[in-house]
Amino acid sequence: MSAQKDSCNYTQEGKNYIGRSTEECEVIDYKCAEQWKPFEDECGCGCYEMDLETYINEILEEEPKQADLDISGMTPYEVIDGNVKITFYLQANQKMESTGNEIKFYNAGIKEGLPLKLFVQDMERDYYTISGSGCSISKEGLLFSINKWNSSKFKLLVSIRDEDGGSMAANSFTVTLQSE
């Protein structure tokens, strides 16, 4: 092994080596998880974890995959409860009010309702996901979209990804649909 290879540290936090030589990297086909990006260096190749700000900026700068994912004309509305911050993106006919984890959502004049766009962020941790009870949620990059709700009240459950790749509940929000 060369002196250069002896100096390689394959246990760096936030960096995961898949291959440990140029030759290995040429024949390995791999894909990085969300918020991780491929790299190659003198020690090999693999995936590194992007910091949250870089990751958010990359996702928001990407061309939307579907027209309804464009948030450029929407108004951001932040809901903060403890360390969890959810940013909702509201369309012109939508508005919100919140107190802690209770959210009132107004979707004026639309019988079926337009999708509600949001992403989740925390001041202490890097990655959250969101699920719902009484609603249908899909995900594109960092943005979540609540497409359908079954009644005038539904819950959003925010979960944190732990170091082992599992998740644990962090907070829940109750959303009540209001008419004006």
C-alpha atoms as a PDB file:
ATOM      1  CA  MET A   1       0.000   0.000   0.000  1.00  0.00           C
ATOM      2  CA  SER A   2       1.333   3.475  -0.849  1.00  0.00           C
ATOM      3  CA  ALA A   3       2.120   6.135   1.760  1.00  0.00           C
ATOM      4  CA  GLN A   4      -0.812   8.130   0.402  1.00  0.00           C
ATOM      5  CA  LYS A   5      -3.218   5.213   1.050  1.00  0.00           C
ATOM      6  CA  ASP A   6      -1.796   4.751   4.566  1.00  0.00           C
ATOM      7  CA  SER A   7      -2.797   8.346   5.321  1.00  0.00           C
ATOM      8  CA  CYS A   8      -6.433   7.825   4.244  1.00  0.00           C
ATOM      9  CA  ASN A   9      -9.083   8.088   6.945  1.00  0.00           C
ATOM     10  CA  TYR A  10     -12.066   5.967   5.918  1.00  0.00           C
ATOM     11  CA  THR A  11     -14.028   6.714   9.108  1.00  0.00           C
ATOM     12  CA  GLN A  12     -14.610  10.455   8.699  1.00  0.00           C
ATOM     13  CA  GLU A  13     -17.927  11.695  10.047  1.00  0.00           C
ATOM     14  CA  GLY A  14     -20.292  12.727   7.231  1.00  0.00           C
ATOM     15  CA  LYS A  15     -18.274  10.824   4.595  1.00  0.00           C
ATOM     16  CA  ASN A  16     -18.965   7.244   3.533  1.00  0.00           C
ATOM     17  CA  TYR A  17     -16.403   5.478   1.333  1.00  0.00           C
ATOM     18  CA  ILE A  18     -17.885   2.870  -1.028  1.00  0.00           C
ATOM     19  CA  GLY A  19     -14.629   2.178  -2.913  1.00  0.00           C
ATOM     20  CA  ARG A  20     -11.088   2.522  -1.600  1.00  0.00           C
ATOM     21  CA  SER A  21      -9.150   2.868  -4.864  1.00  0.00           C
ATOM     22  CA  THR A  22      -9.491   4.382  -8.332  1.00  0.00           C
ATOM     23  CA  GLU A  23      -9.773   0.874  -9.779  1.00  0.00           C
ATOM     24  CA  GLU A  24     -12.601  -0.084  -7.401  1.00  0.00           C
ATOM     25  CA  CYS A  25     -14.444   3.170  -8.091  1.00  0.00           C
ATOM     26  CA  GLU A  26     -14.360   2.584 -11.862  1.00  0.00           C
ATOM     27  CA  VAL A  27     -16.369  -0.649 -11.552  1.00  0.00           C
ATOM     28  CA  ILE A  28     -18.727   0.222  -8.681  1.00  0.00           C
ATOM     29  CA  ASP A  29     -22.200   1.525  -9.530  1.00  0.00           C
ATOM     30  CA  TYR A  30     -23.727   3.284  -6.530  1.00  0.00           C
ATOM     31  CA  LYS A  31     -26.315   5.912  -5.683  1.00  0.00           C
ATOM     32  CA  CYS A  32     -26.215   8.298  -2.726  1.00  0.00           C
ATOM     33  CA  ALA A  33     -29.102   8.760  -0.279  1.00  0.00           C
ATOM     34  CA  GLU A  34     -31.083  11.980  -0.031  1.00  0.00           C
ATOM     35  CA  GLN A  35     -28.960  14.870   1.318  1.00  0.00           C
ATOM     36  CA  TRP A  36     -25.775  12.940   0.374  1.00  0.00           C
ATOM     37  CA  LYS A  37     -23.677  13.650  -2.723  1.00  0.00           C
ATOM     38  CA  PRO A  38     -21.140  11.494  -4.624  1.00  0.00           C
ATOM     39  CA  PHE A  39     -17.404  12.268  -4.394  1.00  0.00           C
ATOM     40  CA  GLU A  40     -14.061  10.898  -5.589  1.00  0.00           C
ATOM     41  CA  ASP A  41     -10.716  11.698  -4.002  1.00  0.00           C
ATOM     42  CA  GLU A  42      -7.214  10.210  -3.738  1.00  0.00           C
ATOM     43  CA  CYS A  43      -8.491   7.654  -1.188  1.00  0.00           C
ATOM     44  CA  GLY A  44     -11.473   6.347  -3.172  1.00  0.00           C
ATOM     45  CA  CYS A  45     -15.101   7.264  -3.769  1.00  0.00           C
ATOM     46  CA  GLY A  46     -18.427   7.337  -1.985  1.00  0.00           C
ATOM     47  CA  CYS A  47     -20.989   9.753  -0.601  1.00  0.00           C
ATOM     48  CA  TYR A  48     -20.674  12.773   1.660  1.00  0.00           C
ATOM     49  CA  GLU A  49     -23.415  14.442   3.658  1.00  0.00           C
ATOM     50  CA  MET A  50     -24.269  17.994   2.587  1.00  0.00           C
ATOM     51  CA  ASP A  51     -24.988  20.575   5.258  1.00  0.00           C
ATOM     52  CA  LEU A  52     -28.690  21.440   5.475  1.00  0.00           C
ATOM     53  CA  GLU A  53     -28.388  24.961   4.027  1.00  0.00           C
ATOM     54  CA  THR A  54     -26.534  23.718   0.919  1.00  0.00           C
ATOM     55  CA  TYR A  55     -29.019  20.884   0.493  1.00  0.00           C
ATOM     56  CA  ILE A  56     -32.051  23.186   0.773  1.00  0.00           C
ATOM     57  CA  ASN A  57     -30.537  25.656  -1.693  1.00  0.00           C
ATOM     58  CA  GLU A  58     -29.784  22.894  -4.219  1.00  0.00           C
ATOM     59  CA  ILE A  59     -33.320  21.514  -4.013  1.00  0.00           C
ATOM     60  CA  LEU A  60     -34.989  24.920  -4.262  1.00  0.00           C
ATOM     61  CA  GLU A  61     -32.765  25.945  -7.206  1.00  0.00           C
ATOM     62  CA  GLU A  62     -33.553  22.771  -9.182  1.00  0.00           C
ATOM     63  CA  GLU A  63     -36.106  22.943 -11.953  1.00  0.00           C
ATOM     64  CA  PRO A  64     -39.417  21.677 -10.507  1.00  0.00           C
ATOM     65  CA  LYS A  65     -40.284  18.186 -11.761  1.00  0.00           C
ATOM     66  CA  GLN A  66     -43.961  19.101 -12.007  1.00  0.00           C
ATOM     67  CA  ALA A  67     -45.518  22.516 -12.610  1.00  0.00           C
ATOM     68  CA  ASP A  68     -47.388  22.419  -9.292  1.00  0.00           C
ATOM     69  CA  LEU A  69     -44.075  22.217  -7.370  1.00  0.00           C
ATOM     70  CA  ASP A  70     -43.124  25.785  -8.282  1.00  0.00           C
ATOM     71  CA  ILE A  71     -43.175  27.851  -5.075  1.00  0.00           C
ATOM     72  CA  SER A  72     -41.833  31.082  -6.571  1.00  0.00           C
ATOM     73  CA  GLY A  73     -45.219  32.877  -6.473  1.00  0.00           C
ATOM     74  CA  MET A  74     -46.211  31.544  -3.057  1.00  0.00           C
ATOM     75  CA  THR A  75     -46.020  33.219   0.361  1.00  0.00           C
ATOM     76  CA  PRO A  76     -43.971  31.468   3.070  1.00  0.00           C
ATOM     77  CA  TYR A  77     -45.614  30.995   6.480  1.00  0.00           C
ATOM     78  CA  GLU A  78     -43.503  29.601   9.333  1.00  0.00           C
ATOM     79  CA  VAL A  79     -44.862  27.579  12.235  1.00  0.00           C
ATOM     80  CA  ILE A  80     -42.381  27.054  15.075  1.00  0.00           C
ATOM     81  CA  ASP A  81     -43.028  24.775  18.045  1.00  0.00           C
ATOM     82  CA  GLY A  82     -39.987  23.916  20.165  1.00  0.00           C
ATOM     83  CA  ASN A  83     -37.065  23.176  17.852  1.00  0.00           C
ATOM     84  CA  VAL A  84     -39.264  22.190  14.908  1.00  0.00           C
ATOM     85  CA  LYS A  85     -39.933  24.755  12.209  1.00  0.00           C
ATOM     86  CA  ILE A  86     -42.288  24.042   9.303  1.00  0.00           C
ATOM     87  CA  THR A  87     -42.415  26.487   6.427  1.00  0.00           C
ATOM     88  CA  PHE A  88     -45.709  26.302   4.534  1.00  0.00           C
ATOM     89  CA  TYR A  89     -45.937  27.875   1.069  1.00  0.00           C
ATOM     90  CA  LEU A  90     -49.348  29.460   0.594  1.00  0.00           C
ATOM     91  CA  GLN A  91     -51.095  30.298  -2.654  1.00  0.00           C
ATOM     92  CA  ALA A  92     -52.984  33.575  -3.089  1.00  0.00           C
ATOM     93  CA  ASN A  93     -56.282  32.131  -1.815  1.00  0.00           C
ATOM     94  CA  GLN A  94     -54.711  30.383   1.190  1.00  0.00           C
ATOM     95  CA  LYS A  95     -53.806  31.719   4.625  1.00  0.00           C
ATOM     96  CA  MET A  96     -52.872  30.322   8.019  1.00  0.00           C
ATOM     97  CA  GLU A  97     -52.896  31.178  11.693  1.00  0.00           C
ATOM     98  CA  SER A  98     -51.058  29.185  14.353  1.00  0.00           C
ATOM     99  CA  THR A  99     -50.583  28.902  18.079  1.00  0.00           C
ATOM    100  CA  GLY A 100     -47.914  26.379  19.053  1.00  0.00           C
ATOM    101  CA  ASN A 101     -48.799  23.137  17.326  1.00  0.00           C
ATOM    102  CA  GLU A 102     -52.412  24.147  16.493  1.00  0.00           C
ATOM    103  CA  ILE A 103     -52.757  25.444  12.919  1.00  0.00           C
ATOM    104  CA  LYS A 104     -55.841  26.995  11.289  1.00  0.00           C
ATOM    105  CA  PHE A 105     -55.732  26.724   7.502  1.00  0.00           C
ATOM    106  CA  TYR A 106     -57.983  28.792   5.211  1.00  0.00           C
ATOM    107  CA  ASN A 107     -58.345  27.605   1.611  1.00  0.00           C
ATOM    108  CA  ALA A 108     -60.830  30.227   0.381  1.00  0.00           C
ATOM    109  CA  GLY A 109     -63.202  29.621  -2.506  1.00  0.00           C
ATOM    110  CA  ILE A 110     -61.888  26.212  -3.589  1.00  0.00           C
ATOM    111  CA  LYS A 111     -64.197  23.259  -2.983  1.00  0.00           C
ATOM    112  CA  GLU A 112     -61.580  20.524  -3.437  1.00  0.00           C
ATOM    113  CA  GLY A 113     -58.660  22.630  -2.205  1.00  0.00           C
ATOM    114  CA  LEU A 114     -55.297  23.315  -3.775  1.00  0.00           C
ATOM    115  CA  PRO A 115     -52.284  21.357  -2.555  1.00  0.00           C
ATOM    116  CA  LEU A 116     -50.483  22.743   0.477  1.00  0.00           C
ATOM    117  CA  LYS A 117     -46.668  22.831   0.091  1.00  0.00           C
ATOM    118  CA  LEU A 118     -44.252  22.699   3.007  1.00  0.00           C
ATOM    119  CA  PHE A 119     -40.819  21.722   4.219  1.00  0.00           C
ATOM    120  CA  VAL A 120     -39.580  20.930   7.698  1.00  0.00           C
ATOM    121  CA  GLN A 121     -36.491  22.273   9.408  1.00  0.00           C
ATOM    122  CA  ASP A 122     -34.999  22.205  12.891  1.00  0.00           C
ATOM    123  CA  MET A 123     -32.545  24.455  14.626  1.00  0.00           C
ATOM    124  CA  GLU A 124     -30.579  21.522  16.138  1.00  0.00           C
ATOM    125  CA  ARG A 125     -30.902  18.559  13.766  1.00  0.00           C
ATOM    126  CA  ASP A 126     -30.344  18.125  10.049  1.00  0.00           C
ATOM    127  CA  TYR A 127     -33.132  16.025   8.609  1.00  0.00           C
ATOM    128  CA  TYR A 128     -36.833  15.615   9.252  1.00  0.00           C
ATOM    129  CA  THR A 129     -39.650  13.903   7.459  1.00  0.00           C
ATOM    130  CA  ILE A 130     -43.392  14.392   7.756  1.00  0.00           C
ATOM    131  CA  SER A 131     -46.390  12.070   7.616  1.00  0.00           C
ATOM    132  CA  GLY A 132     -50.071  12.661   8.096  1.00  0.00           C
ATOM    133  CA  SER A 133     -53.165  11.188   9.639  1.00  0.00           C
ATOM    134  CA  GLY A 134     -56.350  12.064   7.755  1.00  0.00           C
ATOM    135  CA  CYS A 135     -54.483  13.444   4.735  1.00  0.00           C
ATOM    136  CA  SER A 136     -52.408  12.342   1.745  1.00  0.00           C
ATOM    137  CA  ILE A 137     -48.788  13.557   1.589  1.00  0.00           C
ATOM    138  CA  SER A 138     -46.277  13.212  -1.236  1.00  0.00           C
ATOM    139  CA  LYS A 139     -42.659  14.369  -1.442  1.00  0.00           C
ATOM    140  CA  GLU A 140     -40.436  15.910  -4.130  1.00  0.00           C
ATOM    141  CA  GLY A 141     -36.936  16.749  -2.884  1.00  0.00           C
ATOM    142  CA  LEU A 142     -37.336  18.759   0.310  1.00  0.00           C
ATOM    143  CA  LEU A 143     -40.889  19.841  -0.427  1.00  0.00           C
ATOM    144  CA  PHE A 144     -43.851  17.938   0.935  1.00  0.00           C
ATOM    145  CA  SER A 145     -47.277  18.362  -0.628  1.00  0.00           C
ATOM    146  CA  ILE A 146     -50.562  17.744   1.188  1.00  0.00           C
ATOM    147  CA  ASN A 147     -52.795  16.842  -1.726  1.00  0.00           C
ATOM    148  CA  LYS A 148     -55.997  15.588  -0.082  1.00  0.00           C
ATOM    149  CA  TRP A 149     -57.533  15.669   3.357  1.00  0.00           C
ATOM    150  CA  ASN A 150     -60.368  13.478   4.579  1.00  0.00           C
ATOM    151  CA  SER A 151     -62.035  15.854   7.021  1.00  0.00           C
ATOM    152  CA  SER A 152     -61.847  19.382   8.386  1.00  0.00           C
ATOM    153  CA  LYS A 153     -59.142  18.324  10.859  1.00  0.00           C
ATOM    154  CA  PHE A 154     -55.979  16.291  10.265  1.00  0.00           C
ATOM    155  CA  LYS A 155     -52.633  15.717  11.958  1.00  0.00           C
ATOM    156  CA  LEU A 156     -49.097  16.174  10.685  1.00  0.00           C
ATOM    157  CA  LEU A 157     -46.452  14.080  12.439  1.00  0.00           C
ATOM    158  CA  VAL A 158     -42.867  15.329  12.191  1.00  0.00           C
ATOM    159  CA  SER A 159     -40.194  12.629  12.602  1.00  0.00           C
ATOM    160  CA  ILE A 160     -36.435  12.963  12.878  1.00  0.00           C
ATOM    161  CA  ARG A 161     -33.966  10.652  11.143  1.00  0.00           C
ATOM    162  CA  ASP A 162     -31.598   9.183  13.705  1.00  0.00           C
ATOM    163  CA  GLU A 163     -27.974   8.172  13.121  1.00  0.00           C
ATOM    164  CA  ASP A 164     -28.956   4.548  12.362  1.00  0.00           C
ATOM    165  CA  GLY A 165     -31.316   5.600   9.553  1.00  0.00           C
ATOM    166  CA  GLY A 166     -34.465   4.984  11.614  1.00  0.00           C
ATOM    167  CA  SER A 167     -36.866   7.678  12.658  1.00  0.00           C
ATOM    168  CA  MET A 168     -38.519   8.813  15.866  1.00  0.00           C
ATOM    169  CA  ALA A 169     -41.420  11.186  16.498  1.00  0.00           C
ATOM    170  CA  ALA A 170     -40.386  14.788  17.134  1.00  0.00           C
ATOM    171  CA  ASN A 171     -43.643  16.735  17.165  1.00  0.00           C
ATOM    172  CA  SER A 172     -47.190  16.689  15.851  1.00  0.00           C
ATOM    173  CA  PHE A 173     -49.343  19.503  14.534  1.00  0.00           C
ATOM    174  CA  THR A 174     -53.131  19.578  14.302  1.00  0.00           C
ATOM    175  CA  VAL A 175     -54.439  21.358  11.216  1.00  0.00           C
ATOM    176  CA  THR A 176     -58.036  22.573  11.228  1.00  0.00           C
ATOM    177  CA  LEU A 177     -59.599  23.702   7.953  1.00  0.00           C
ATOM    178  CA  GLN A 178     -61.499  26.946   8.359  1.00  0.00           C
ATOM    179  CA  SER A 179     -63.988  28.725   6.158  1.00  0.00           C
ATOM    180  CA  GLU A 180     -63.946  32.501   5.897  1.00  0.00           C
END
